[in-house]
Amino acid sequence: MSRKIQTLDSDVVVIGGGIAGLWLFNALNKQGYKALLLENSTLGGGQTIKSQGIVHGGTKYTLSGNLTKAAECIAGMPDRWRRALAGDDDVDLRDVKILSEGHYLWSPGDIASRMTSFFASKALRGRVDQLKKEEDFPDIFRHKGFRGKVYQLNEIVLDIQTVIKALTKNFQSRILKVDWQQDTTVVTSNGEIDCIEHKLGDETLQIKAKKFIMTAGEGTVGLMKQMNISKPEMQLRPLHMVMLKTSHQEPLYAHCLGTKIVPRMTITSHPTEDGNWVWYLGGEIAEDGMERNPEEQIRVAKRELSVLLPWVNLDDADWATLFVNRAEPKQSKLLRPDAAFIHHSGNTMVTWPTKLALAPNLTDEVGKQLNIEPSGNEGFALPEGVTHPEICQPFWSEAFNKNA
């Protein structure tokens, strides 16, 4: 017996519910497009929740002493996000929790880092403020053992779960959970997507759109195969992040200067429901850590923190590590892309924002290249009975469950 077919016509289908897809989906709906979002797991559950939540403006790309193209492309992003946080953008993030209004850059005081600080200051002039008075320092640096310098950057740190909640608010009825292996199929013809078919009880929901936009991060390659799209190619930039859960009540949001063009360590702090903090360590330690197993990575992190912050007592900390793949369009020699990326293939757009801060930039670029008018979306929704994906849990949720 053939299945009954129910057709839903839309303007745009966004495939992938990370920060790129969610920002784009939210903006399109605000602009009157009939926009749907398809997600096969949890919203924000991939690369997005595993980010450090820093909306950075390219500061760390200038540590070589040069103002790179990547730094220029991302320089305006903090102000763009601040407008959204104030409710002055198409995307309204007024409900988002700000973990820190400022991100910092510190030199631990040794000769090598002072040299890096000198060269960086030439490129960063007008972009950062050196804090001269100890009372202006973050609490953790107001200690007699600290001998370095502290700069405040125009970068904010956000609670990513609240960002995801804000981007899905009021639009849950247009978000569909799919399983590409079980209940959802891409139907193609003549090099384009004809529709997406989703099993719904004893019916098949046939989703049609004028444009399909892929924002699935690392999952993009698998989807491209289903859609018979061979280009662009993807590259992965892996990280081995470190987490430590502690009762230490002086949170830290800062890059530590070292001898390389990436920060020696980047630390963000995230409050837990039980009143503790999770410190999340990235930067050089995470990039070099791919050559170490978790036990070795934790030993290195403990040694580094004892050198960089010797006055901080972390004896009570629980430690864990997390592997993260940053998905990007493939570049020559695996170089880091400078800006958000879009590739057209028939009625499909393959995209990567390359990093959290560039999500608004990707949406702007999609808007310039979409070339379709919104048809109006009042009352537009998925049919009753569909499953909606949940919002992801914090990146540390499984790592410390055994110690809860």
Protein backbone atom coordinates (compact mmCIF):
# COMPACT_ATOMS: atom_id res chain seq x y z
CA MET A 1 0.00 0.00 0.00
CA SER A 2 1.42 3.38 -0.99
CA ARG A 3 1.94 6.05 1.66
CA LYS A 4 -0.15 9.19 1.66
CA ILE A 5 1.93 12.24 0.68
CA GLN A 6 1.59 15.60 2.42
CA THR A 7 3.45 18.46 0.71
CA LEU A 8 4.82 21.51 2.50
CA ASP A 9 6.08 24.38 0.32
CA SER A 10 8.71 26.69 1.78
CA ASP A 11 11.06 29.40 0.61
CA VAL A 12 14.21 28.11 2.31
CA VAL A 13 15.22 24.93 4.11
CA VAL A 14 18.23 25.31 6.39
CA ILE A 15 19.96 21.99 7.10
CA GLY A 16 21.97 21.97 10.31
CA GLY A 17 21.14 23.51 13.68
CA GLY A 18 24.47 24.86 14.88
CA ILE A 19 25.14 28.57 15.35
CA ALA A 20 25.34 29.21 11.60
CA GLY A 21 22.06 27.52 10.76
CA LEU A 22 20.22 28.92 13.77
CA TRP A 23 21.28 32.53 13.16
CA LEU A 24 20.37 32.25 9.48
CA PHE A 25 17.06 30.50 10.23
CA ASN A 26 16.11 33.14 12.78
CA ALA A 27 16.97 36.04 10.46
CA LEU A 28 15.10 34.56 7.48
CA ASN A 29 11.96 34.08 9.55
CA LYS A 30 12.19 37.64 10.86
CA GLN A 31 12.41 38.83 7.24
CA GLY A 32 9.19 37.02 6.28
CA TYR A 33 10.60 33.92 4.59
CA LYS A 34 8.90 30.57 4.97
CA ALA A 35 12.02 29.03 6.47
CA LEU A 36 12.41 25.58 8.00
CA LEU A 37 15.36 24.15 9.90
CA LEU A 38 16.28 20.45 9.87
CA GLU A 39 18.55 18.97 12.56
CA ASN A 40 19.47 15.33 13.07
CA SER A 41 20.64 15.60 16.69
CA THR A 42 20.39 18.38 19.27
CA LEU A 43 20.37 22.08 18.46
CA GLY A 44 23.88 23.46 18.87
CA GLY A 45 25.15 20.05 19.92
CA GLY A 46 28.19 19.87 17.65
CA GLN A 47 30.94 22.41 17.23
CA THR A 48 28.75 25.24 18.60
CA ILE A 49 28.38 24.10 22.21
CA LYS A 50 32.02 23.00 22.26
CA SER A 51 33.22 26.52 21.43
CA GLN A 52 34.45 28.76 24.22
CA GLY A 53 31.65 31.26 23.65
CA ILE A 54 34.05 34.06 22.74
CA VAL A 55 32.78 36.58 20.20
CA HIS A 56 36.25 37.67 19.26
CA GLY A 57 37.30 40.44 16.93
CA GLY A 58 40.45 38.94 15.47
CA THR A 59 42.83 39.97 18.20
CA LYS A 60 44.53 36.59 18.41
CA TYR A 61 45.25 36.71 14.66
CA THR A 62 47.50 39.75 15.16
CA LEU A 63 49.93 38.13 17.58
CA SER A 64 52.47 37.85 14.76
CA GLY A 65 52.62 41.64 14.66
CA ASN A 66 50.66 41.86 11.39
CA LEU A 67 47.07 42.85 10.76
CA THR A 68 45.93 39.78 8.82
CA LYS A 69 42.98 39.48 6.44
CA ALA A 70 41.30 37.15 8.93
CA ALA A 71 41.62 39.81 11.63
CA GLU A 72 40.11 42.45 9.36
CA CYS A 73 37.17 40.23 8.32
CA ILE A 74 36.14 39.51 11.89
CA ALA A 75 36.96 42.89 13.44
CA GLY A 76 33.37 44.19 13.37
CA MET A 77 31.73 41.07 14.79
CA PRO A 78 31.77 41.96 18.51
CA ASP A 79 29.87 45.20 17.82
CA ARG A 80 27.41 43.31 15.60
CA TRP A 81 26.74 40.80 18.36
CA ARG A 82 26.40 43.61 20.90
CA ARG A 83 23.65 45.17 18.77
CA ALA A 84 21.82 41.84 18.74
CA LEU A 85 22.27 41.52 22.51
CA ALA A 86 20.74 44.98 22.89
CA GLY A 87 17.80 44.08 20.62
CA ASP A 88 18.97 46.43 17.84
CA ASP A 89 19.44 43.79 15.14
CA ASP A 90 17.14 41.56 13.06
CA VAL A 91 18.28 38.78 15.37
CA ASP A 92 17.19 39.51 18.96
CA LEU A 93 19.53 38.15 21.63
CA ARG A 94 18.27 40.14 24.60
CA ASP A 95 17.59 36.91 26.53
CA VAL A 96 21.19 35.71 26.21
CA LYS A 97 23.37 35.44 29.31
CA ILE A 98 26.68 37.28 29.05
CA LEU A 99 29.39 35.48 31.00
CA SER A 100 31.88 38.32 30.65
CA GLU A 101 31.62 41.79 29.11
CA GLY A 102 35.33 41.70 28.37
CA HIS A 103 37.85 39.14 27.27
CA TYR A 104 41.44 39.77 28.28
CA LEU A 105 44.96 39.23 27.02
CA TRP A 106 47.72 38.71 29.56
CA SER A 107 51.47 38.41 29.54
CA PRO A 108 52.84 36.23 32.34
CA GLY A 109 55.92 38.45 32.52
CA ASP A 110 58.68 36.31 31.02
CA ILE A 111 60.98 37.68 28.31
CA ALA A 112 59.48 35.72 25.40
CA SER A 113 55.91 36.77 26.10
CA ARG A 114 56.97 40.39 26.64
CA MET A 115 58.47 40.35 23.12
CA THR A 116 55.24 38.94 21.72
CA SER A 117 53.33 41.60 23.64
CA PHE A 118 55.52 44.32 22.10
CA PHE A 119 55.00 43.18 18.52
CA ALA A 120 51.29 42.52 19.09
CA SER A 121 50.77 45.99 20.52
CA LYS A 122 51.85 47.58 17.22
CA ALA A 123 49.15 45.77 15.29
CA LEU A 124 46.58 46.10 18.07
CA ARG A 125 46.94 49.82 18.71
CA GLY A 126 43.43 51.23 19.06
CA ARG A 127 41.93 47.74 19.36
CA VAL A 128 42.87 46.92 22.95
CA ASP A 129 43.36 48.82 26.17
CA GLN A 130 46.26 48.06 28.47
CA LEU A 131 45.03 48.14 32.06
CA LYS A 132 47.41 50.28 34.11
CA LYS A 133 45.78 50.06 37.54
CA GLU A 134 45.56 46.83 39.49
CA GLU A 135 42.01 47.66 40.58
CA ASP A 136 40.98 47.42 36.90
CA PHE A 137 42.41 43.90 36.56
CA PRO A 138 40.16 40.83 36.65
CA ASP A 139 40.11 39.53 40.23
CA ILE A 140 42.38 36.59 39.47
CA PHE A 141 45.28 38.90 38.50
CA ARG A 142 45.04 41.08 41.64
CA HIS A 143 47.63 38.99 43.37
CA LYS A 144 51.14 39.82 44.55
CA GLY A 145 52.44 36.89 42.52
CA PHE A 146 51.34 38.41 39.20
CA ARG A 147 54.09 40.32 37.38
CA GLY A 148 52.73 40.58 33.86
CA LYS A 149 50.59 42.95 31.82
CA VAL A 150 46.84 42.80 31.18
CA TYR A 151 44.95 44.11 28.16
CA GLN A 152 41.18 44.34 27.82
CA LEU A 153 39.79 43.36 24.41
CA ASN A 154 36.57 44.33 22.69
CA GLU A 155 35.35 40.75 22.97
CA ILE A 156 32.46 39.30 24.94
CA VAL A 157 31.92 35.77 26.25
CA LEU A 158 28.45 34.25 26.06
CA ASP A 159 26.58 31.33 27.56
CA ILE A 160 26.03 29.33 24.37
CA GLN A 161 22.99 27.43 25.61
CA THR A 162 21.14 30.71 26.09
CA VAL A 163 22.18 31.84 22.59
CA ILE A 164 20.60 28.69 21.14
CA LYS A 165 17.43 29.22 23.17
CA ALA A 166 17.15 32.82 21.98
CA LEU A 167 17.60 31.86 18.33
CA THR A 168 14.85 29.22 18.50
CA LYS A 169 12.39 31.26 20.55
CA ASN A 170 9.04 31.65 18.76
CA PHE A 171 10.11 29.41 15.86
CA GLN A 172 10.02 25.91 17.36
CA SER A 173 7.10 24.96 15.09
CA ARG A 174 9.40 25.36 12.08
CA ILE A 175 12.22 23.13 13.35
CA LEU A 176 12.18 19.43 12.46
CA LYS A 177 14.25 16.61 13.92
CA VAL A 178 15.33 14.22 11.18
CA ASP A 179 17.27 10.97 10.89
CA TRP A 180 19.06 10.81 7.55
CA GLN A 181 19.54 7.05 7.93
CA GLN A 182 16.02 6.12 8.99
CA ASP A 183 13.16 8.50 8.26
CA THR A 184 14.43 11.28 5.99
CA THR A 185 15.58 11.13 2.36
CA VAL A 186 16.90 13.71 -0.09
CA VAL A 187 15.29 13.37 -3.53
CA THR A 188 17.35 14.83 -6.38
CA SER A 189 16.83 15.31 -10.11
CA ASN A 190 18.83 17.10 -12.79
CA GLY A 191 21.54 18.14 -10.35
CA GLU A 192 19.16 19.84 -7.91
CA ILE A 193 17.21 18.89 -4.81
CA ASP A 194 13.65 18.12 -5.79
CA CYS A 195 12.41 17.69 -2.24
CA ILE A 196 13.17 16.19 1.16
CA GLU A 197 10.90 13.33 2.19
CA HIS A 198 10.27 12.70 5.89
CA LYS A 199 8.27 9.76 7.24
CA LEU A 200 5.50 10.94 9.53
CA GLY A 201 3.42 8.05 10.86
CA ASP A 202 1.76 6.38 7.89
CA GLU A 203 2.31 9.47 5.74
CA THR A 204 5.28 11.00 3.95
CA LEU A 205 5.91 14.70 4.46
CA GLN A 206 7.34 16.09 1.24
CA ILE A 207 9.26 19.31 1.92
CA LYS A 208 9.86 21.54 -1.08
CA ALA A 209 11.87 24.76 -1.17
CA LYS A 210 13.28 27.32 -3.56
CA LYS A 211 16.66 27.10 -1.81
CA PHE A 212 18.32 24.50 0.41
CA ILE A 213 21.15 25.83 2.56
CA MET A 214 23.58 23.46 4.23
CA THR A 215 24.97 24.64 7.57
CA ALA A 216 25.78 21.24 9.06
CA GLY A 217 29.44 21.78 9.96
CA GLU A 218 31.28 18.48 10.13
CA GLY A 219 28.14 16.65 8.96
CA THR A 220 28.14 18.52 5.66
CA VAL A 221 30.19 15.92 3.78
CA GLY A 222 27.75 13.11 4.50
CA LEU A 223 24.83 15.24 3.37
CA MET A 224 26.66 16.28 0.22
CA LYS A 225 27.01 12.62 -0.72
CA GLN A 226 23.26 12.12 -0.34
CA MET A 227 22.68 15.17 -2.52
CA ASN A 228 25.23 14.08 -5.15
CA ILE A 229 27.32 17.20 -4.53
CA SER A 230 31.08 16.68 -4.87
CA LYS A 231 32.39 20.18 -4.18
CA PRO A 232 33.51 22.01 -2.14
CA GLU A 233 35.78 19.76 -0.10
CA MET A 234 36.00 20.04 3.67
CA GLN A 235 38.95 20.15 6.03
CA LEU A 236 38.94 19.47 9.76
CA ARG A 237 41.07 21.39 12.23
CA PRO A 238 41.14 19.23 15.37
CA LEU A 239 41.55 20.39 18.97
CA HIS A 240 42.11 18.54 22.25
CA MET A 241 40.47 20.83 24.81
CA VAL A 242 40.93 20.54 28.57
CA MET A 243 38.18 20.93 31.17
CA LEU A 244 38.55 21.30 34.90
CA LYS A 245 35.70 21.60 37.35
CA THR A 246 36.59 23.62 40.43
CA SER A 247 35.08 25.52 43.33
CA HIS A 248 37.55 28.38 42.70
CA GLN A 249 35.42 31.53 42.67
CA GLU A 250 37.56 33.75 40.46
CA PRO A 251 36.49 33.05 36.87
CA LEU A 252 38.93 33.85 34.09
CA TYR A 253 38.28 34.90 30.50
CA ALA A 254 41.61 35.53 28.80
CA HIS A 255 44.25 34.65 26.22
CA CYS A 256 47.75 34.09 27.57
CA LEU A 257 50.51 35.41 25.33
CA GLY A 258 53.29 33.02 24.43
CA THR A 259 55.93 32.75 21.74
CA LYS A 260 53.69 31.62 18.85
CA ILE A 261 51.05 33.41 16.80
CA VAL A 262 48.31 31.54 18.68
CA PRO A 263 47.75 32.18 22.38
CA ARG A 264 49.72 29.93 24.71
CA MET A 265 46.41 29.21 26.41
CA THR A 266 42.87 30.56 26.12
CA ILE A 267 40.72 30.15 29.22
CA THR A 268 36.98 30.66 29.66
CA SER A 269 34.94 29.90 32.78
CA HIS A 270 31.42 28.47 32.87
CA PRO A 271 29.15 28.29 35.96
CA THR A 272 27.56 24.96 36.81
CA GLU A 273 24.22 24.28 38.47
CA ASP A 274 25.94 23.00 41.63
CA GLY A 275 27.73 26.31 42.22
CA ASN A 276 31.11 25.33 40.80
CA TRP A 277 32.96 26.48 37.70
CA VAL A 278 34.25 24.67 34.65
CA TRP A 279 37.40 26.18 33.24
CA TYR A 280 37.74 25.41 29.52
CA LEU A 281 41.26 25.54 28.08
CA GLY A 282 42.06 26.10 24.41
CA GLY A 283 44.74 27.83 22.39
CA GLU A 284 48.19 26.36 21.75
CA ILE A 285 47.70 23.63 24.34
CA ALA A 286 44.59 22.38 22.49
CA GLU A 287 46.21 22.48 19.03
CA ASP A 288 49.39 20.70 20.16
CA GLY A 289 47.36 18.33 22.33
CA MET A 290 46.22 16.22 19.38
CA GLU A 291 49.52 14.36 19.75
CA ARG A 292 48.75 13.51 23.40
CA ASN A 293 46.30 11.11 25.02
CA PRO A 294 43.89 12.53 27.64
CA GLU A 295 46.12 11.63 30.61
CA GLU A 296 49.14 13.31 29.02
CA GLN A 297 47.07 16.35 28.01
CA ILE A 298 45.85 16.81 31.56
CA ARG A 299 49.41 16.54 32.92
CA VAL A 300 50.54 19.25 30.50
CA ALA A 301 47.59 21.48 31.44
CA LYS A 302 48.33 21.12 35.17
CA ARG A 303 51.98 21.99 34.58
CA GLU A 304 51.10 25.01 32.42
CA LEU A 305 48.60 26.40 34.93
CA SER A 306 51.08 25.97 37.78
CA VAL A 307 53.52 28.14 35.80
CA LEU A 308 51.05 30.72 34.49
CA LEU A 309 48.86 31.05 37.61
CA PRO A 310 50.98 29.68 40.46
CA TRP A 311 48.90 31.37 43.17
CA VAL A 312 45.67 29.62 42.10
CA ASN A 313 44.92 26.48 44.11
CA LEU A 314 43.27 23.85 41.91
CA ASP A 315 43.83 20.87 44.22
CA ASP A 316 40.07 20.19 44.36
CA ALA A 317 39.61 20.18 40.57
CA ASP A 318 38.19 17.33 38.54
CA TRP A 319 39.85 17.06 35.13
CA ALA A 320 38.74 15.82 31.72
CA THR A 321 39.45 16.46 28.04
CA LEU A 322 37.30 16.92 24.96
CA PHE A 323 38.13 16.38 21.29
CA VAL A 324 36.65 18.96 18.92
CA ASN A 325 36.77 19.13 15.13
CA ARG A 326 36.45 22.56 13.56
CA ALA A 327 34.92 22.05 10.12
CA GLU A 328 35.98 24.40 7.33
CA PRO A 329 36.13 24.57 3.53
CA LYS A 330 39.37 22.99 2.34
CA GLN A 331 42.24 25.43 1.89
CA SER A 332 45.68 25.12 0.33
CA LYS A 333 48.11 23.72 2.93
CA LEU A 334 45.15 23.49 5.37
CA LEU A 335 45.35 27.23 6.04
CA ARG A 336 42.61 28.79 8.14
CA PRO A 337 39.81 30.43 6.05
CA ASP A 338 39.54 34.18 6.47
CA ALA A 339 35.75 34.61 6.42
CA ALA A 340 32.40 32.88 6.08
CA PHE A 341 32.15 30.62 3.03
CA ILE A 342 29.38 29.93 0.47
CA HIS A 343 29.39 27.61 -2.54
CA HIS A 344 26.46 27.28 -4.97
CA SER A 345 25.41 23.95 -6.48
CA GLY A 346 22.08 24.14 -8.31
CA ASN A 347 19.41 25.17 -5.81
CA THR A 348 21.70 24.34 -2.88
CA MET A 349 24.12 26.56 -0.99
CA VAL A 350 26.93 24.83 0.92
CA THR A 351 28.20 27.05 3.72
CA TRP A 352 30.58 27.21 6.66
CA PRO A 353 30.84 30.18 9.03
CA THR A 354 34.32 28.87 10.07
CA LYS A 355 33.78 30.13 13.64
CA LEU A 356 31.02 31.19 16.04
CA ALA A 357 31.69 34.92 15.81
CA LEU A 358 31.15 34.92 12.01
CA ALA A 359 27.58 33.57 12.10
CA PRO A 360 26.08 37.03 11.39
CA ASN A 361 28.58 37.52 8.56
CA LEU A 362 27.45 34.26 6.96
CA THR A 363 23.80 35.30 7.20
CA ASP A 364 24.59 38.64 5.56
CA GLU A 365 26.41 36.92 2.70
CA VAL A 366 23.60 34.41 2.19
CA GLY A 367 21.14 37.32 2.05
CA LYS A 368 23.14 38.95 -0.73
CA GLN A 369 23.20 35.75 -2.78
CA LEU A 370 19.78 34.22 -2.05
CA ASN A 371 17.98 35.97 -4.93
CA ILE A 372 14.47 35.05 -3.81
CA GLU A 373 11.81 37.23 -2.22
CA PRO A 374 10.09 36.28 1.04
CA SER A 375 6.57 35.01 0.41
CA GLY A 376 5.27 35.84 3.90
CA ASN A 377 5.20 33.34 6.75
CA GLU A 378 2.28 34.19 9.01
CA GLY A 379 0.81 30.91 10.21
CA PHE A 380 3.52 28.88 8.50
CA ALA A 381 4.44 25.74 10.48
CA LEU A 382 5.27 22.08 10.24
CA PRO A 383 2.30 19.72 10.58
CA GLU A 384 1.30 18.39 13.98
CA GLY A 385 2.93 15.19 15.11
CA VAL A 386 6.50 15.94 14.00
CA THR A 387 9.40 15.67 16.42
CA HIS A 388 11.34 18.80 17.34
CA PRO A 389 15.02 18.53 18.38
CA GLU A 390 16.05 19.42 21.89
CA ILE A 391 18.60 22.04 22.85
CA CYS A 392 22.02 20.56 23.62
CA GLN A 393 23.47 20.16 27.09
CA PRO A 394 26.65 21.98 28.21
CA PHE A 395 29.89 20.64 26.74
CA TRP A 396 30.96 19.31 30.15
CA SER A 397 27.68 17.51 30.97
CA GLU A 398 28.96 13.98 30.32
CA ALA A 399 32.55 14.53 31.41
CA PHE A 400 31.74 15.17 35.05
CA ASN A 401 28.56 13.10 35.50
CA LYS A 402 30.51 10.43 37.34
CA ASN A 403 31.53 13.04 39.91
CA ALA A 404 28.12 14.68 40.28
